[in-house]
């Protein structure tokens, strides 16, 4: 059985860790509320834009935008991998990386795959591999806003338009609630026409001042908004995952402290019993002499 000093040190150490995890849980819960409000406010806007895009895709005749709808043989793939900058959030980052690796080794096996990591964890992991890496946006979460999200979208659109990539997908955690994140890989480019829930009719839009002028601004903005929404989804998911992970860690620390205190009390009782036995034995020896 461990001696009393060792057990006391362990109790103090676990108690300090419990205080840290409890504080991190409170910080994450505060940040989660702000991040959750941001993604909830963004979703209706993004969904409406996606509905417009679905209506436009079947009648796209603007030459400068046809490239975004054109399906070509897939040889070069860009995976936008969204993780967090920090750990201590359960399987949040590991799950994104696992799904990305399954795409690389499965659907895109034999293809030339390039990784665009967003978040330090994805950058650190794929920086140790032989895959092509675009490190320009690894620090996006240092200043997350629409401007930085649109900058990523602009870069991806330009690279796809230049023919450097034949397909682009985004891998991230979609926010559902504080306890649940949905791991998804969303096709980004080329744009694929797909039905929008609750929308069974095509709209005949009237364009002013002109169709080309409107669509050349609108479609890139819709695509950039999709990237920004994915960032907000991932950001809210990160804080939800960390809050739950730190809550469980705090509970586990409490259980460990209880077990250590029980061990400490047993060791203390054993030490007291030993001392009493030694005193009794000493007294008996003296009386016998």
Foldseek 3Di string as FASTA:
>chain_A
DDALVVLVVVLVVLVVVLVVLVVLLVVLVVVLVVLVVVLVVLVVVLLVLVQVVLLCLVPDDQVLCVLLQDQDDFAEEEEEQEAAQDDLLPCFNVVSVVVVVCCCVPVVPVHQYEYEYAYNVVCVVCVPDPHHYDPPHNDCVVPQDLVSLLVVLVVVVVCSSVVVGNWYWYWHWADDDLQDTHTDIGTQGSDDNDDRPPDDDRDDDDDPPDDNVVCVPSVSVSSSSVSSSRNSRRVSNRSSSNSVSSVVSSVVSVVVSVVSVVVSVVSVVVVVVVVVVVVVVVVVVVVVD
